[in-house]
């Protein structure tokens, strides 16, 4: 009897996380950071693109920012629970929490309604998407402040990737697209 050897299995590519972000992470009103009906509300929206320039339909974005007075303290209330069902109840509609979480839609689009940040004129953004083993951090600047050390340290073309553009045809609306890779790759920040 001859002994048969089974060839060793070939290695497989490592697994990536997701796309599981649509399950349990988004919550009702996640993009409504500003209190309902506030007269100073602005809209920040855009698209998330992959390295080939295709929209990413299943990304999840988190937003953090200072309130209009420049405070980073925020208020609780984004993730309230319904006492009857235990499900997410949504925001209370009154307090500014400084936090939002939204998924991209089938076209890779996202939108949040918030208040202009005081102090530094940017909104911090964290991107979770398929193929990313680690989430990415960036900033959406609503204005280009003089003396900002991050912006001043970048080449003009790279600096442009952090600037949200006011849309002339839409009142108090800014567009900020995020490119995960490629020629137009957004500047991402590393925190130690």
N, C-alpha and C. Protein backbone atom coordinates (compact mmCIF):
# COMPACT_ATOMS: atom_id res chain seq x y z
N UNK A 1 0.84 -1.16 0.00
CA UNK A 1 0.00 0.00 0.00
C UNK A 1 0.89 1.24 0.00
N UNK A 2 0.59 2.15 -0.89
CA UNK A 2 1.38 3.37 -0.98
C UNK A 2 0.70 4.49 -0.20
N UNK A 3 1.52 5.30 0.37
CA UNK A 3 1.00 6.43 1.17
C UNK A 3 0.76 7.62 0.25
N UNK A 4 -0.46 8.18 0.33
CA UNK A 4 -0.77 9.36 -0.48
C UNK A 4 -0.64 10.61 0.37
N UNK A 5 -0.08 11.62 -0.21
CA UNK A 5 0.09 12.89 0.49
C UNK A 5 -0.89 13.90 -0.08
N UNK A 6 -1.60 14.49 0.81
CA UNK A 6 -2.50 15.57 0.40
C UNK A 6 -1.71 16.86 0.42
N UNK A 7 -1.76 17.62 -0.67
CA UNK A 7 -1.00 18.88 -0.68
C UNK A 7 -1.52 19.82 0.41
N UNK A 8 -0.62 20.57 0.94
CA UNK A 8 -1.00 21.56 1.98
C UNK A 8 -1.89 22.62 1.34
N UNK A 9 -2.93 23.05 2.06
CA UNK A 9 -3.80 24.07 1.48
C UNK A 9 -3.03 25.37 1.26
N UNK A 10 -3.40 26.03 0.20
CA UNK A 10 -2.77 27.32 -0.12
C UNK A 10 -3.28 28.38 0.86
N UNK A 11 -2.43 29.34 1.20
CA UNK A 11 -2.88 30.39 2.10
C UNK A 11 -4.01 31.21 1.45
N UNK A 12 -4.89 31.69 2.26
CA UNK A 12 -5.99 32.53 1.77
C UNK A 12 -5.73 33.97 2.17
N UNK A 13 -6.31 34.91 1.42
CA UNK A 13 -6.12 36.32 1.78
C UNK A 13 -6.70 36.59 3.16
N UNK A 14 -6.11 37.53 3.86
CA UNK A 14 -6.65 37.85 5.18
C UNK A 14 -8.04 38.43 5.04
N UNK A 15 -8.81 38.20 6.06
CA UNK A 15 -10.18 38.71 6.04
C UNK A 15 -10.19 40.17 6.41
N UNK A 16 -11.11 40.89 5.82
CA UNK A 16 -11.28 42.30 6.17
C UNK A 16 -12.54 42.45 6.99
N UNK A 17 -12.65 43.55 7.66
CA UNK A 17 -13.79 43.80 8.51
C UNK A 17 -14.95 44.31 7.65
N UNK A 18 -16.11 43.74 7.88
CA UNK A 18 -17.32 44.29 7.29
C UNK A 18 -17.63 43.73 5.93
N UNK A 19 -18.58 44.32 5.29
CA UNK A 19 -19.29 45.54 5.73
C UNK A 19 -20.46 45.22 6.65
N UNK A 20 -20.28 45.40 7.92
CA UNK A 20 -21.31 45.12 8.91
C UNK A 20 -21.81 46.39 9.59
N UNK A 21 -21.45 47.55 9.08
CA UNK A 21 -21.72 48.80 9.78
C UNK A 21 -23.19 49.17 9.83
N UNK A 22 -23.98 48.66 8.92
CA UNK A 22 -25.40 49.00 8.92
C UNK A 22 -26.19 48.30 10.01
N UNK A 23 -25.57 47.35 10.69
CA UNK A 23 -26.26 46.60 11.72
C UNK A 23 -25.90 47.14 13.09
N UNK A 24 -26.85 47.71 13.78
CA UNK A 24 -26.75 48.15 15.18
C UNK A 24 -25.93 49.41 15.41
N UNK A 25 -25.17 49.88 14.45
CA UNK A 25 -24.37 51.07 14.70
C UNK A 25 -25.09 52.38 14.36
N UNK A 26 -25.73 52.48 13.18
CA UNK A 26 -26.49 53.72 12.95
C UNK A 26 -27.66 53.80 13.92
N UNK A 27 -28.08 55.01 14.24
CA UNK A 27 -29.21 55.19 15.15
C UNK A 27 -30.11 56.29 14.62
N UNK A 28 -31.38 56.29 15.01
CA UNK A 28 -32.31 57.30 14.49
C UNK A 28 -31.79 58.71 14.77
N UNK A 29 -31.81 59.55 13.76
CA UNK A 29 -31.36 60.93 13.92
C UNK A 29 -29.86 61.07 14.07
N UNK A 30 -29.10 60.08 13.65
CA UNK A 30 -27.65 60.12 13.81
C UNK A 30 -26.98 61.28 13.11
N UNK A 31 -27.59 61.78 12.06
CA UNK A 31 -27.03 62.90 11.32
C UNK A 31 -27.59 64.24 11.73
N UNK A 32 -28.47 64.25 12.70
CA UNK A 32 -29.10 65.49 13.17
C UNK A 32 -28.37 65.97 14.42
N UNK A 33 -27.19 66.51 14.26
CA UNK A 33 -26.37 66.95 15.39
C UNK A 33 -26.92 68.25 15.97
N UNK A 34 -27.43 69.12 15.12
CA UNK A 34 -28.00 70.40 15.58
C UNK A 34 -29.38 70.15 16.18
N UNK A 35 -29.74 70.92 17.21
CA UNK A 35 -31.10 70.80 17.75
C UNK A 35 -32.14 71.10 16.67
N UNK A 36 -33.25 70.42 16.72
CA UNK A 36 -34.31 70.57 15.72
C UNK A 36 -34.73 72.03 15.59
N UNK A 37 -34.77 72.53 14.36
CA UNK A 37 -35.24 73.88 14.09
C UNK A 37 -34.29 75.00 14.43
N UNK A 38 -33.06 74.70 14.81
CA UNK A 38 -32.10 75.75 15.17
C UNK A 38 -31.82 76.62 13.94
N UNK A 39 -31.87 77.96 14.05
CA UNK A 39 -31.71 78.83 12.88
C UNK A 39 -30.30 78.85 12.29
N UNK A 40 -29.28 78.42 13.02
CA UNK A 40 -27.90 78.46 12.52
C UNK A 40 -27.43 77.14 11.92
N UNK A 41 -28.35 76.21 11.72
CA UNK A 41 -27.98 74.89 11.21
C UNK A 41 -27.29 74.98 9.84
N UNK A 42 -26.24 74.19 9.70
CA UNK A 42 -25.57 74.02 8.41
C UNK A 42 -25.66 72.55 8.03
N UNK A 43 -25.49 72.29 6.75
CA UNK A 43 -25.46 70.90 6.26
C UNK A 43 -24.06 70.62 5.73
N UNK A 44 -23.49 69.52 6.17
CA UNK A 44 -22.22 69.02 5.66
C UNK A 44 -22.54 67.69 4.98
N UNK A 45 -22.21 67.59 3.70
CA UNK A 45 -22.52 66.36 2.98
C UNK A 45 -21.44 66.08 1.95
N UNK A 46 -21.47 64.89 1.42
CA UNK A 46 -20.53 64.52 0.38
C UNK A 46 -20.61 63.04 0.07
N UNK A 47 -19.59 62.55 -0.59
CA UNK A 47 -19.53 61.15 -1.01
C UNK A 47 -18.23 60.54 -0.51
N UNK A 48 -18.26 59.23 -0.28
CA UNK A 48 -17.06 58.48 0.05
C UNK A 48 -16.72 57.64 -1.18
N UNK A 49 -15.46 57.77 -1.65
CA UNK A 49 -15.01 57.06 -2.85
C UNK A 49 -13.87 56.11 -2.51
N UNK A 50 -13.82 54.98 -3.23
CA UNK A 50 -12.71 54.05 -3.05
C UNK A 50 -11.54 54.45 -3.95
N UNK A 51 -10.50 53.64 -3.99
CA UNK A 51 -9.30 53.97 -4.77
C UNK A 51 -9.53 54.04 -6.26
N UNK A 52 -10.57 53.38 -6.76
CA UNK A 52 -10.88 53.42 -8.20
C UNK A 52 -11.84 54.56 -8.53
N UNK A 53 -12.20 55.37 -7.53
CA UNK A 53 -13.11 56.48 -7.76
C UNK A 53 -14.57 56.08 -7.74
N UNK A 54 -14.86 54.86 -7.28
CA UNK A 54 -16.25 54.38 -7.19
C UNK A 54 -16.81 54.72 -5.81
N UNK A 55 -18.11 55.06 -5.76
CA UNK A 55 -18.73 55.36 -4.46
C UNK A 55 -18.73 54.13 -3.55
N UNK A 56 -18.57 54.36 -2.25
CA UNK A 56 -18.61 53.28 -1.25
C UNK A 56 -19.99 53.32 -0.60
N UNK A 57 -20.85 52.33 -0.91
CA UNK A 57 -22.24 52.38 -0.45
C UNK A 57 -22.45 51.88 0.97
N UNK A 58 -21.42 51.40 1.63
CA UNK A 58 -21.63 50.79 2.94
C UNK A 58 -20.60 51.27 3.97
N UNK A 59 -20.18 52.52 3.86
CA UNK A 59 -19.27 53.09 4.86
C UNK A 59 -20.08 53.66 6.02
N UNK A 60 -19.43 53.87 7.12
CA UNK A 60 -20.04 54.51 8.28
C UNK A 60 -19.12 55.65 8.70
N UNK A 61 -19.69 56.82 8.93
CA UNK A 61 -18.89 57.98 9.32
C UNK A 61 -19.36 58.50 10.67
N UNK A 62 -18.38 58.86 11.50
CA UNK A 62 -18.67 59.50 12.78
C UNK A 62 -18.11 60.91 12.73
N UNK A 63 -18.81 61.82 13.36
CA UNK A 63 -18.44 63.24 13.37
C UNK A 63 -18.37 63.72 14.80
N UNK A 64 -17.32 64.49 15.12
CA UNK A 64 -17.17 65.13 16.42
C UNK A 64 -16.80 66.58 16.16
N UNK A 65 -17.29 67.45 17.00
CA UNK A 65 -16.95 68.85 16.80
C UNK A 65 -17.20 69.66 18.07
N UNK A 66 -16.63 70.86 18.07
CA UNK A 66 -16.89 71.82 19.15
C UNK A 66 -18.26 72.46 18.92
N UNK A 67 -18.85 72.94 20.00
CA UNK A 67 -20.12 73.67 19.84
C UNK A 67 -19.81 75.08 19.34
N UNK A 68 -20.82 75.90 19.04
CA UNK A 68 -20.55 77.24 18.50
C UNK A 68 -19.69 78.12 19.41
N UNK A 69 -19.67 77.85 20.70
CA UNK A 69 -18.85 78.64 21.63
C UNK A 69 -17.41 78.10 21.72
N UNK A 70 -17.13 76.98 21.05
CA UNK A 70 -15.79 76.41 21.08
C UNK A 70 -15.59 75.31 22.10
N UNK A 71 -16.62 74.96 22.86
CA UNK A 71 -16.50 73.92 23.88
C UNK A 71 -16.54 72.54 23.25
N UNK A 72 -15.67 71.66 23.72
CA UNK A 72 -15.66 70.27 23.27
C UNK A 72 -16.36 69.34 24.25
N UNK A 73 -16.97 69.90 25.30
CA UNK A 73 -17.59 69.08 26.34
C UNK A 73 -18.76 68.27 25.81
N UNK A 74 -19.56 68.83 24.91
CA UNK A 74 -20.71 68.10 24.39
C UNK A 74 -21.74 67.85 25.48
N UNK A 75 -22.81 67.22 25.10
CA UNK A 75 -23.86 66.85 26.05
C UNK A 75 -24.28 65.42 25.73
N UNK A 76 -24.69 64.68 26.73
CA UNK A 76 -25.19 63.33 26.44
C UNK A 76 -26.53 63.42 25.71
N UNK A 77 -26.93 62.36 25.08
CA UNK A 77 -28.24 62.36 24.46
C UNK A 77 -28.30 61.77 23.08
N UNK A 78 -27.17 61.46 22.47
CA UNK A 78 -27.20 60.93 21.11
C UNK A 78 -27.75 59.51 21.06
N UNK A 79 -27.47 58.71 22.04
CA UNK A 79 -27.83 57.30 21.99
C UNK A 79 -28.86 56.92 23.06
N UNK A 80 -29.87 57.74 23.23
CA UNK A 80 -30.90 57.42 24.23
C UNK A 80 -31.65 56.16 23.84
N UNK A 81 -32.09 55.44 24.84
CA UNK A 81 -32.84 54.20 24.62
C UNK A 81 -34.31 54.39 24.94
N UNK A 82 -35.14 53.69 24.18
CA UNK A 82 -36.56 53.68 24.46
C UNK A 82 -36.78 52.78 25.67
N UNK A 83 -37.38 53.30 26.77
CA UNK A 83 -37.53 52.48 27.98
C UNK A 83 -38.47 51.30 27.79
N UNK A 84 -39.33 51.33 26.80
CA UNK A 84 -40.28 50.24 26.58
C UNK A 84 -39.66 49.13 25.75
N UNK A 85 -39.08 49.50 24.60
CA UNK A 85 -38.56 48.47 23.70
C UNK A 85 -37.07 48.19 23.89
N UNK A 86 -36.35 49.11 24.51
CA UNK A 86 -34.91 48.96 24.65
C UNK A 86 -34.14 49.37 23.41
N UNK A 87 -34.88 49.70 22.33
CA UNK A 87 -34.25 50.12 21.08
C UNK A 87 -33.74 51.55 21.18
N UNK A 88 -33.06 51.97 20.14
CA UNK A 88 -32.57 53.35 20.11
C UNK A 88 -33.74 54.30 19.94
N UNK A 89 -33.81 55.28 20.78
CA UNK A 89 -34.89 56.25 20.77
C UNK A 89 -34.53 57.48 19.96
N UNK A 90 -33.25 57.71 19.78
CA UNK A 90 -32.80 58.88 19.04
C UNK A 90 -32.46 60.03 19.96
N UNK A 91 -32.22 61.16 19.37
CA UNK A 91 -31.82 62.35 20.13
C UNK A 91 -33.02 62.98 20.81
N UNK A 92 -32.73 63.85 21.77
CA UNK A 92 -33.84 64.53 22.45
C UNK A 92 -34.31 65.75 21.66
N UNK A 93 -33.56 66.17 20.62
CA UNK A 93 -34.00 67.26 19.76
C UNK A 93 -33.75 68.64 20.31
N UNK A 94 -33.16 68.75 21.49
CA UNK A 94 -32.94 70.04 22.14
C UNK A 94 -31.47 70.33 22.33
N UNK A 95 -30.72 69.35 22.80
CA UNK A 95 -29.31 69.56 23.15
C UNK A 95 -28.39 69.32 21.95
N UNK A 96 -27.33 70.12 21.91
CA UNK A 96 -26.27 69.93 20.93
C UNK A 96 -25.25 68.98 21.56
N UNK A 97 -25.07 67.80 20.95
CA UNK A 97 -24.18 66.80 21.53
C UNK A 97 -22.77 66.84 20.98
N UNK A 98 -22.59 67.43 19.79
CA UNK A 98 -21.27 67.47 19.18
C UNK A 98 -20.86 66.16 18.54
N UNK A 99 -21.78 65.19 18.44
CA UNK A 99 -21.47 63.87 17.90
C UNK A 99 -22.55 63.44 16.92
N UNK A 100 -22.13 62.82 15.82
CA UNK A 100 -23.07 62.25 14.87
C UNK A 100 -22.50 61.00 14.25
N UNK A 101 -23.40 60.13 13.78
CA UNK A 101 -22.97 58.89 13.11
C UNK A 101 -23.96 58.59 12.00
N UNK A 102 -23.45 58.47 10.77
CA UNK A 102 -24.32 58.19 9.64
C UNK A 102 -23.67 57.18 8.69
N UNK A 103 -24.49 56.34 8.08
CA UNK A 103 -23.98 55.47 7.03
C UNK A 103 -24.06 56.19 5.69
N UNK A 104 -23.28 55.73 4.73
CA UNK A 104 -23.45 56.22 3.37
C UNK A 104 -24.63 55.46 2.76
N UNK A 105 -25.29 56.11 1.78
CA UNK A 105 -26.40 55.44 1.12
C UNK A 105 -25.89 54.62 -0.06
N UNK A 106 -26.79 54.09 -0.88
CA UNK A 106 -26.42 53.24 -2.01
C UNK A 106 -25.52 53.94 -3.01
N UNK A 107 -25.54 55.28 -3.03
CA UNK A 107 -24.69 56.06 -3.93
C UNK A 107 -23.41 56.54 -3.27
N UNK A 108 -23.15 56.12 -2.02
CA UNK A 108 -21.96 56.55 -1.31
C UNK A 108 -22.09 57.92 -0.67
N UNK A 109 -23.31 58.45 -0.60
CA UNK A 109 -23.56 59.80 -0.08
C UNK A 109 -23.88 59.78 1.42
N UNK A 110 -23.45 60.82 2.11
CA UNK A 110 -23.79 61.03 3.52
C UNK A 110 -24.21 62.48 3.71
N UNK A 111 -24.89 62.76 4.80
CA UNK A 111 -25.24 64.14 5.15
C UNK A 111 -25.47 64.24 6.64
N UNK A 112 -24.98 65.33 7.22
CA UNK A 112 -25.25 65.66 8.63
C UNK A 112 -25.69 67.11 8.70
N UNK A 113 -26.57 67.40 9.65
CA UNK A 113 -26.98 68.77 9.93
C UNK A 113 -26.47 69.13 11.31
N UNK A 114 -25.71 70.22 11.36
CA UNK A 114 -25.02 70.57 12.60
C UNK A 114 -24.97 72.08 12.74
N UNK A 115 -24.23 72.54 13.73
CA UNK A 115 -24.01 73.97 13.94
C UNK A 115 -22.55 74.28 13.60
N UNK A 116 -22.26 75.51 13.16
CA UNK A 116 -20.86 75.85 12.88
C UNK A 116 -20.02 75.71 14.15
N UNK A 117 -18.88 75.01 14.06
CA UNK A 117 -18.03 74.85 15.24
C UNK A 117 -17.33 76.16 15.61
N UNK A 118 -17.26 76.43 16.90
CA UNK A 118 -16.52 77.59 17.38
C UNK A 118 -15.07 77.21 17.59
N UNK A 119 -14.20 78.20 17.72
CA UNK A 119 -12.78 77.91 17.88
C UNK A 119 -12.20 77.49 16.54
N UNK A 120 -11.71 76.27 16.45
CA UNK A 120 -11.18 75.75 15.19
C UNK A 120 -12.34 75.43 14.25
N UNK A 121 -12.29 75.93 13.00
CA UNK A 121 -13.44 75.78 12.10
C UNK A 121 -13.47 74.45 11.34
N UNK A 122 -13.39 73.35 12.06
CA UNK A 122 -13.44 72.06 11.39
C UNK A 122 -14.31 71.08 12.18
N UNK A 123 -14.74 70.06 11.46
CA UNK A 123 -15.46 68.93 12.04
C UNK A 123 -14.55 67.72 11.89
N UNK A 124 -14.31 67.00 12.97
CA UNK A 124 -13.51 65.78 12.90
C UNK A 124 -14.36 64.65 12.34
N UNK A 125 -13.75 63.83 11.47
CA UNK A 125 -14.48 62.75 10.81
C UNK A 125 -13.70 61.45 10.98
N UNK A 126 -14.42 60.39 11.31
CA UNK A 126 -13.83 59.05 11.40
C UNK A 126 -14.55 58.17 10.38
N UNK A 127 -13.79 57.47 9.55
CA UNK A 127 -14.36 56.66 8.47
C UNK A 127 -14.12 55.18 8.75
N UNK A 128 -15.22 54.42 8.72
CA UNK A 128 -15.18 52.97 8.79
C UNK A 128 -15.70 52.47 7.44
N UNK A 129 -14.97 51.56 6.79
CA UNK A 129 -15.43 51.07 5.49
C UNK A 129 -14.85 49.69 5.23
N UNK A 130 -15.48 49.00 4.31
CA UNK A 130 -14.99 47.67 3.93
C UNK A 130 -13.56 47.78 3.43
N UNK A 131 -12.79 46.78 3.75
CA UNK A 131 -11.41 46.78 3.31
C UNK A 131 -10.46 47.52 4.24
N UNK A 132 -11.00 48.26 5.20
CA UNK A 132 -10.15 48.97 6.16
C UNK A 132 -10.04 48.14 7.43
N UNK A 133 -8.85 47.77 7.78
CA UNK A 133 -8.67 47.06 9.05
C UNK A 133 -8.67 48.03 10.21
N UNK A 134 -8.36 49.28 9.95
CA UNK A 134 -8.36 50.32 10.97
C UNK A 134 -9.13 51.51 10.41
N UNK A 135 -9.93 52.12 11.25
CA UNK A 135 -10.68 53.29 10.80
C UNK A 135 -9.71 54.45 10.52
N UNK A 136 -10.19 55.41 9.74
CA UNK A 136 -9.38 56.54 9.32
C UNK A 136 -9.93 57.83 9.92
N UNK A 137 -9.03 58.73 10.29
CA UNK A 137 -9.42 60.02 10.85
C UNK A 137 -9.04 61.14 9.88
N UNK A 138 -9.92 62.10 9.73
CA UNK A 138 -9.63 63.27 8.92
C UNK A 138 -10.39 64.46 9.50
N UNK A 139 -10.29 65.59 8.83
CA UNK A 139 -11.01 66.79 9.24
C UNK A 139 -11.66 67.43 8.02
N UNK A 140 -12.84 67.99 8.24
CA UNK A 140 -13.53 68.77 7.21
C UNK A 140 -13.50 70.22 7.67
N UNK A 141 -12.62 71.02 7.07
CA UNK A 141 -12.52 72.44 7.42
C UNK A 141 -13.60 73.21 6.69
N UNK A 142 -14.40 73.98 7.43
CA UNK A 142 -15.44 74.81 6.83
C UNK A 142 -14.89 76.15 6.38
N UNK A 143 -13.71 76.49 6.85
CA UNK A 143 -12.99 77.70 6.45
C UNK A 143 -11.50 77.37 6.60
N UNK A 144 -10.67 78.11 5.90
CA UNK A 144 -9.23 77.89 6.00
C UNK A 144 -8.64 78.92 6.96
N UNK A 145 -8.41 78.51 8.22
CA UNK A 145 -7.92 79.47 9.20
C UNK A 145 -6.44 79.79 8.99
N UNK A 146 -6.09 81.03 9.26
CA UNK A 146 -4.68 81.42 9.19
C UNK A 146 -3.94 80.79 10.36
N UNK A 147 -2.77 80.28 10.09
CA UNK A 147 -1.93 79.76 11.16
C UNK A 147 -2.28 78.37 11.64
N UNK A 148 -3.17 77.65 10.98
CA UNK A 148 -3.46 76.27 11.38
C UNK A 148 -2.25 75.41 11.04
N UNK A 149 -1.66 74.78 12.04
CA UNK A 149 -0.41 74.04 11.82
C UNK A 149 -0.59 72.84 10.90
N UNK A 150 -1.73 72.17 10.97
CA UNK A 150 -1.95 71.03 10.08
C UNK A 150 -2.03 71.51 8.63
N UNK A 151 -2.88 72.48 8.35
CA UNK A 151 -3.05 72.94 6.98
C UNK A 151 -1.78 73.59 6.43
N UNK A 152 -1.12 74.40 7.24
CA UNK A 152 0.07 75.11 6.75
C UNK A 152 1.23 74.15 6.47
N UNK A 153 1.21 72.97 7.03
CA UNK A 153 2.27 72.00 6.81
C UNK A 153 2.05 71.12 5.59
N UNK A 154 0.96 71.34 4.86
CA UNK A 154 0.64 70.50 3.70
C UNK A 154 0.88 71.26 2.40
N UNK A 155 1.21 70.51 1.36
CA UNK A 155 1.29 71.09 0.02
C UNK A 155 -0.13 71.53 -0.37
N UNK A 156 -0.26 72.56 -1.22
CA UNK A 156 -1.59 73.07 -1.58
C UNK A 156 -2.56 72.01 -2.08
N UNK A 157 -2.10 71.08 -2.92
CA UNK A 157 -3.01 70.05 -3.44
C UNK A 157 -3.51 69.14 -2.34
N UNK A 158 -2.66 68.80 -1.39
CA UNK A 158 -3.06 67.95 -0.27
C UNK A 158 -3.98 68.72 0.68
N UNK A 159 -3.69 69.99 0.90
CA UNK A 159 -4.51 70.84 1.77
C UNK A 159 -5.96 70.90 1.25
N UNK A 160 -6.11 70.95 -0.06
CA UNK A 160 -7.44 71.02 -0.68
C UNK A 160 -8.33 69.85 -0.28
N UNK A 161 -7.73 68.69 0.00
CA UNK A 161 -8.54 67.51 0.35
C UNK A 161 -9.21 67.65 1.71
N UNK A 162 -8.81 68.63 2.50
CA UNK A 162 -9.41 68.84 3.84
C UNK A 162 -10.41 69.99 3.87
N UNK A 163 -10.58 70.67 2.76
CA UNK A 163 -11.44 71.85 2.75
C UNK A 163 -12.83 71.52 2.21
N UNK A 164 -13.83 71.70 3.05
CA UNK A 164 -15.22 71.57 2.61
C UNK A 164 -15.56 72.83 1.81
N UNK A 165 -16.31 72.68 0.76
CA UNK A 165 -16.64 73.80 -0.11
C UNK A 165 -18.07 74.25 0.10
N UNK A 166 -18.24 75.55 0.33
CA UNK A 166 -19.60 76.11 0.43
C UNK A 166 -20.25 76.00 -0.94
N UNK A 167 -21.48 75.53 -0.97
CA UNK A 167 -22.20 75.40 -2.23
C UNK A 167 -23.00 76.67 -2.48
N UNK A 168 -22.66 77.36 -3.55
CA UNK A 168 -23.25 78.66 -3.84
C UNK A 168 -24.76 78.59 -4.03
N UNK A 169 -25.24 77.48 -4.58
CA UNK A 169 -26.67 77.39 -4.86
C UNK A 169 -27.49 76.84 -3.70
N UNK A 170 -26.84 76.50 -2.59
CA UNK A 170 -27.54 75.95 -1.43
C UNK A 170 -27.10 76.71 -0.19
N UNK A 171 -28.05 77.31 0.48
CA UNK A 171 -27.77 78.13 1.65
C UNK A 171 -27.22 77.29 2.81
N UNK A 172 -26.07 77.71 3.35
CA UNK A 172 -25.47 77.09 4.53
C UNK A 172 -25.19 75.59 4.33
N UNK A 173 -24.74 75.24 3.12
CA UNK A 173 -24.45 73.85 2.78
C UNK A 173 -23.01 73.74 2.31
N UNK A 174 -22.30 72.73 2.84
CA UNK A 174 -20.90 72.49 2.51
C UNK A 174 -20.75 71.07 1.98
N UNK A 175 -19.89 70.93 0.96
CA UNK A 175 -19.62 69.60 0.41
C UNK A 175 -18.21 69.18 0.77
N UNK A 176 -18.11 67.95 1.29
CA UNK A 176 -16.81 67.39 1.66
C UNK A 176 -16.78 65.93 1.22
N UNK A 177 -16.08 65.67 0.11
CA UNK A 177 -15.93 64.30 -0.38
C UNK A 177 -14.69 63.68 0.25
N UNK A 178 -14.76 62.37 0.47
CA UNK A 178 -13.67 61.62 1.07
C UNK A 178 -13.21 60.56 0.08
N UNK A 179 -11.93 60.61 -0.29
CA UNK A 179 -11.34 59.63 -1.19
C UNK A 179 -10.40 58.76 -0.36
N UNK A 180 -10.69 57.46 -0.31
CA UNK A 180 -9.93 56.55 0.55
C UNK A 180 -8.54 56.25 0.02
N UNK A 181 -8.35 56.32 -1.30
CA UNK A 181 -7.06 56.06 -1.94
C UNK A 181 -7.01 56.79 -3.26
N UNK A 182 -5.89 56.67 -3.91
CA UNK A 182 -5.76 57.18 -5.27
C UNK A 182 -5.23 58.59 -5.36
N UNK A 183 -5.32 59.14 -6.56
CA UNK A 183 -4.77 60.46 -6.86
C UNK A 183 -5.37 61.56 -6.00
N UNK A 184 -6.64 61.46 -5.67
CA UNK A 184 -7.33 62.48 -4.87
C UNK A 184 -7.44 62.10 -3.40
N UNK A 185 -6.62 61.15 -2.93
CA UNK A 185 -6.75 60.65 -1.56
C UNK A 185 -6.80 61.78 -0.54
N UNK A 186 -7.78 61.69 0.33
CA UNK A 186 -7.94 62.64 1.42
C UNK A 186 -6.78 62.49 2.39
N UNK A 187 -6.37 63.59 3.00
CA UNK A 187 -5.34 63.52 4.05
C UNK A 187 -5.97 62.87 5.27
N UNK A 188 -5.33 61.81 5.76
CA UNK A 188 -5.79 61.15 6.97
C UNK A 188 -4.76 61.36 8.06
N UNK A 189 -5.25 61.40 9.29
CA UNK A 189 -4.40 61.74 10.44
C UNK A 189 -4.07 60.48 11.22
N UNK A 190 -2.86 60.44 11.78
CA UNK A 190 -2.44 59.33 12.63
C UNK A 190 -2.32 59.85 14.05
N UNK A 191 -2.88 59.12 14.99
CA UNK A 191 -2.80 59.49 16.40
C UNK A 191 -2.04 58.40 17.14
N UNK A 192 -1.05 58.81 17.91
CA UNK A 192 -0.26 57.85 18.68
C UNK A 192 -0.84 57.66 20.06
